[in-house]
Amino acid sequence: MPKKKSSLNNVVETNNGIRISYHEKVCAERMKTLFKKIDEMSTDIRELRADMNQKKGAVNILVGVAGVLGAILGYYISNG
């Protein structure tokens, strides 16, 4: 009888080892996918920041030009 238990324990340990190995393989693939997605998101965020900085600069220029035009028009309207 004891040999059957020992044999059964070996089968269970082997089966568990296979399950753990498969689980680690699946987790490794998930981690690769996660790292890839995080890298893509980081790149997208950098691009969005660059776009926003360009647009902020354009808006600042337009506000400055509008201010100068407003000042000129205000001067001519009040003295006209």
N, C-alpha and C. Protein backbone atom coordinates (compact mmCIF):
# COMPACT_ATOMS: atom_id res chain seq x y z
N MET A 1 0.80 -1.20 0.00
CA MET A 1 0.00 0.00 0.00
C MET A 1 0.85 1.28 0.00
N PRO A 2 1.90 1.38 0.78
CA PRO A 2 2.66 2.62 0.83
C PRO A 2 3.24 3.01 -0.53
N LYS A 3 3.55 2.04 -1.38
CA LYS A 3 4.10 2.37 -2.69
C LYS A 3 3.07 3.10 -3.54
N LYS A 4 1.81 2.77 -3.40
CA LYS A 4 0.78 3.46 -4.16
C LYS A 4 0.70 4.93 -3.75
N LYS A 5 0.82 5.20 -2.43
CA LYS A 5 0.79 6.59 -1.98
C LYS A 5 1.98 7.35 -2.52
N SER A 6 3.15 6.71 -2.45
CA SER A 6 4.35 7.35 -2.96
C SER A 6 4.21 7.61 -4.46
N SER A 7 3.69 6.66 -5.17
CA SER A 7 3.49 6.81 -6.61
C SER A 7 2.46 7.90 -6.88
N LEU A 8 1.40 7.91 -6.09
CA LEU A 8 0.37 8.92 -6.25
C LEU A 8 0.93 10.30 -5.95
N ASN A 9 1.74 10.43 -4.92
CA ASN A 9 2.37 11.71 -4.59
C ASN A 9 3.26 12.19 -5.73
N ASN A 10 4.02 11.28 -6.34
CA ASN A 10 4.88 11.65 -7.46
C ASN A 10 4.05 12.15 -8.65
N VAL A 11 2.94 11.49 -8.92
CA VAL A 11 2.08 11.91 -10.02
C VAL A 11 1.49 13.28 -9.74
N VAL A 12 1.05 13.49 -8.52
CA VAL A 12 0.46 14.78 -8.14
C VAL A 12 1.51 15.88 -8.22
N GLU A 13 2.71 15.62 -7.70
CA GLU A 13 3.77 16.62 -7.75
C GLU A 13 4.16 16.94 -9.19
N THR A 14 4.23 15.95 -10.03
CA THR A 14 4.55 16.16 -11.43
C THR A 14 3.45 16.97 -12.12
N ASN A 15 2.21 16.61 -11.85
CA ASN A 15 1.08 17.32 -12.43
C ASN A 15 1.06 18.78 -11.97
N ASN A 16 1.30 19.01 -10.68
CA ASN A 16 1.35 20.37 -10.15
C ASN A 16 2.51 21.16 -10.77
N GLY A 17 3.63 20.48 -10.96
CA GLY A 17 4.78 21.14 -11.60
C GLY A 17 4.44 21.58 -13.01
N ILE A 18 3.72 20.74 -13.73
CA ILE A 18 3.32 21.09 -15.10
C ILE A 18 2.36 22.27 -15.07
N ARG A 19 1.42 22.24 -14.14
CA ARG A 19 0.45 23.35 -14.03
C ARG A 19 1.16 24.66 -13.70
N ILE A 20 2.10 24.60 -12.76
CA ILE A 20 2.83 25.81 -12.38
C ILE A 20 3.65 26.31 -13.55
N SER A 21 4.29 25.41 -14.26
CA SER A 21 5.09 25.79 -15.42
C SER A 21 4.21 26.46 -16.47
N TYR A 22 3.05 25.89 -16.75
CA TYR A 22 2.14 26.47 -17.72
C TYR A 22 1.65 27.84 -17.25
N HIS A 23 1.34 27.95 -15.97
CA HIS A 23 0.87 29.21 -15.40
C HIS A 23 1.95 30.29 -15.54
N GLU A 24 3.20 29.93 -15.26
CA GLU A 24 4.30 30.88 -15.39
C GLU A 24 4.46 31.32 -16.83
N LYS A 25 4.28 30.40 -17.77
CA LYS A 25 4.39 30.74 -19.19
C LYS A 25 3.29 31.73 -19.58
N VAL A 26 2.07 31.48 -19.13
CA VAL A 26 0.95 32.36 -19.43
C VAL A 26 1.18 33.74 -18.81
N CYS A 27 1.65 33.76 -17.58
CA CYS A 27 1.91 35.03 -16.91
C CYS A 27 3.03 35.81 -17.61
N ALA A 28 4.04 35.11 -18.08
CA ALA A 28 5.14 35.78 -18.78
C ALA A 28 4.61 36.45 -20.06
N GLU A 29 3.74 35.77 -20.78
CA GLU A 29 3.15 36.36 -21.99
C GLU A 29 2.31 37.58 -21.65
N ARG A 30 1.55 37.48 -20.57
CA ARG A 30 0.73 38.63 -20.14
C ARG A 30 1.61 39.81 -19.78
N MET A 31 2.71 39.54 -19.09
CA MET A 31 3.61 40.62 -18.70
C MET A 31 4.23 41.27 -19.92
N LYS A 32 4.62 40.46 -20.92
CA LYS A 32 5.16 41.03 -22.16
C LYS A 32 4.14 41.96 -22.80
N THR A 33 2.90 41.50 -22.85
CA THR A 33 1.83 42.30 -23.45
C THR A 33 1.63 43.59 -22.65
N LEU A 34 1.61 43.49 -21.34
CA LEU A 34 1.44 44.68 -20.50
C LEU A 34 2.57 45.67 -20.70
N PHE A 35 3.81 45.20 -20.72
CA PHE A 35 4.93 46.10 -20.91
C PHE A 35 4.86 46.77 -22.28
N LYS A 36 4.47 46.00 -23.29
CA LYS A 36 4.35 46.57 -24.63
C LYS A 36 3.28 47.66 -24.65
N LYS A 37 2.14 47.40 -24.04
CA LYS A 37 1.05 48.38 -24.01
C LYS A 37 1.46 49.63 -23.22
N ILE A 38 2.17 49.44 -22.12
CA ILE A 38 2.62 50.58 -21.32
C ILE A 38 3.60 51.43 -22.12
N ASP A 39 4.49 50.80 -22.85
CA ASP A 39 5.43 51.55 -23.70
C ASP A 39 4.68 52.34 -24.77
N GLU A 40 3.67 51.72 -25.38
CA GLU A 40 2.87 52.41 -26.40
C GLU A 40 2.14 53.60 -25.78
N MET A 41 1.60 53.41 -24.58
CA MET A 41 0.90 54.50 -23.91
C MET A 41 1.85 55.64 -23.58
N SER A 42 3.04 55.32 -23.15
CA SER A 42 4.03 56.35 -22.84
C SER A 42 4.37 57.16 -24.08
N THR A 43 4.52 56.48 -25.20
CA THR A 43 4.80 57.17 -26.46
C THR A 43 3.64 58.07 -26.84
N ASP A 44 2.42 57.56 -26.72
CA ASP A 44 1.24 58.36 -27.05
C ASP A 44 1.15 59.59 -26.15
N ILE A 45 1.43 59.43 -24.87
CA ILE A 45 1.36 60.56 -23.93
C ILE A 45 2.40 61.61 -24.30
N ARG A 46 3.60 61.17 -24.65
CA ARG A 46 4.63 62.13 -25.07
C ARG A 46 4.19 62.91 -26.30
N GLU A 47 3.61 62.21 -27.27
CA GLU A 47 3.14 62.88 -28.48
C GLU A 47 2.02 63.86 -28.16
N LEU A 48 1.10 63.48 -27.29
CA LEU A 48 0.01 64.38 -26.91
C LEU A 48 0.54 65.62 -26.20
N ARG A 49 1.51 65.44 -25.33
CA ARG A 49 2.11 66.59 -24.65
C ARG A 49 2.77 67.54 -25.64
N ALA A 50 3.48 66.97 -26.61
CA ALA A 50 4.13 67.81 -27.62
C ALA A 50 3.08 68.58 -28.42
N ASP A 51 1.99 67.92 -28.80
CA ASP A 51 0.92 68.60 -29.54
C ASP A 51 0.30 69.71 -28.71
N MET A 52 0.06 69.44 -27.44
CA MET A 52 -0.55 70.45 -26.57
C MET A 52 0.38 71.65 -26.39
N ASN A 53 1.67 71.40 -26.25
CA ASN A 53 2.62 72.50 -26.11
C ASN A 53 2.65 73.36 -27.37
N GLN A 54 2.57 72.73 -28.55
CA GLN A 54 2.51 73.49 -29.79
C GLN A 54 1.25 74.33 -29.84
N LYS A 55 0.14 73.76 -29.45
CA LYS A 55 -1.13 74.48 -29.49
C LYS A 55 -1.16 75.60 -28.47
N LYS A 56 -0.55 75.39 -27.32
CA LYS A 56 -0.47 76.47 -26.33
C LYS A 56 0.31 77.65 -26.90
N GLY A 57 1.39 77.35 -27.60
CA GLY A 57 2.20 78.41 -28.22
C GLY A 57 1.40 79.15 -29.28
N ALA A 58 0.65 78.42 -30.08
CA ALA A 58 -0.16 79.05 -31.12
C ALA A 58 -1.24 79.93 -30.51
N VAL A 59 -1.86 79.46 -29.45
CA VAL A 59 -2.91 80.24 -28.78
C VAL A 59 -2.30 81.50 -28.17
N ASN A 60 -1.12 81.38 -27.58
CA ASN A 60 -0.46 82.56 -27.00
C ASN A 60 -0.15 83.60 -28.07
N ILE A 61 0.30 83.14 -29.21
CA ILE A 61 0.59 84.08 -30.32
C ILE A 61 -0.70 84.75 -30.78
N LEU A 62 -1.77 83.97 -30.95
CA LEU A 62 -3.05 84.57 -31.38
C LEU A 62 -3.58 85.57 -30.36
N VAL A 63 -3.46 85.26 -29.09
CA VAL A 63 -3.91 86.19 -28.05
C VAL A 63 -3.07 87.47 -28.10
N GLY A 64 -1.78 87.32 -28.29
CA GLY A 64 -0.91 88.50 -28.39
C GLY A 64 -1.26 89.36 -29.59
N VAL A 65 -1.47 88.74 -30.75
CA VAL A 65 -1.84 89.48 -31.96
C VAL A 65 -3.19 90.16 -31.76
N ALA A 66 -4.15 89.45 -31.19
CA ALA A 66 -5.48 90.02 -30.94
C ALA A 66 -5.37 91.19 -29.97
N GLY A 67 -4.51 91.09 -28.97
CA GLY A 67 -4.31 92.19 -28.03
C GLY A 67 -3.75 93.42 -28.70
N VAL A 68 -2.75 93.21 -29.57
CA VAL A 68 -2.17 94.34 -30.29
C VAL A 68 -3.20 94.97 -31.21
N LEU A 69 -3.94 94.15 -31.95
CA LEU A 69 -4.99 94.69 -32.83
C LEU A 69 -6.07 95.41 -32.04
N GLY A 70 -6.44 94.86 -30.91
CA GLY A 70 -7.43 95.51 -30.05
C GLY A 70 -6.94 96.85 -29.55
N ALA A 71 -5.67 96.90 -29.18
CA ALA A 71 -5.10 98.17 -28.71
C ALA A 71 -5.09 99.20 -29.83
N ILE A 72 -4.70 98.79 -31.01
CA ILE A 72 -4.67 99.72 -32.16
C ILE A 72 -6.07 100.20 -32.49
N LEU A 73 -7.04 99.27 -32.57
CA LEU A 73 -8.41 99.68 -32.85
C LEU A 73 -8.98 100.57 -31.77
N GLY A 74 -8.69 100.26 -30.54
CA GLY A 74 -9.14 101.09 -29.41
C GLY A 74 -8.57 102.48 -29.51
N TYR A 75 -7.32 102.61 -29.87
CA TYR A 75 -6.69 103.92 -29.99
C TYR A 75 -7.35 104.74 -31.11
N TYR A 76 -7.55 104.09 -32.28
CA TYR A 76 -8.16 104.82 -33.40
C TYR A 76 -9.63 105.16 -33.16
N ILE A 77 -10.33 104.26 -32.50
CA ILE A 77 -11.75 104.53 -32.24
C ILE A 77 -11.90 105.67 -31.21
N SER A 78 -11.06 105.68 -30.19
CA SER A 78 -11.20 106.73 -29.16
C SER A 78 -10.69 108.08 -29.66
N ASN A 79 -9.73 108.10 -30.59
CA ASN A 79 -9.17 109.35 -31.10
C ASN A 79 -9.75 109.72 -32.46
N GLY A 80 -10.59 108.86 -33.02
CA GLY A 80 -11.10 109.06 -34.37
C GLY A 80 -12.21 109.98 -34.44
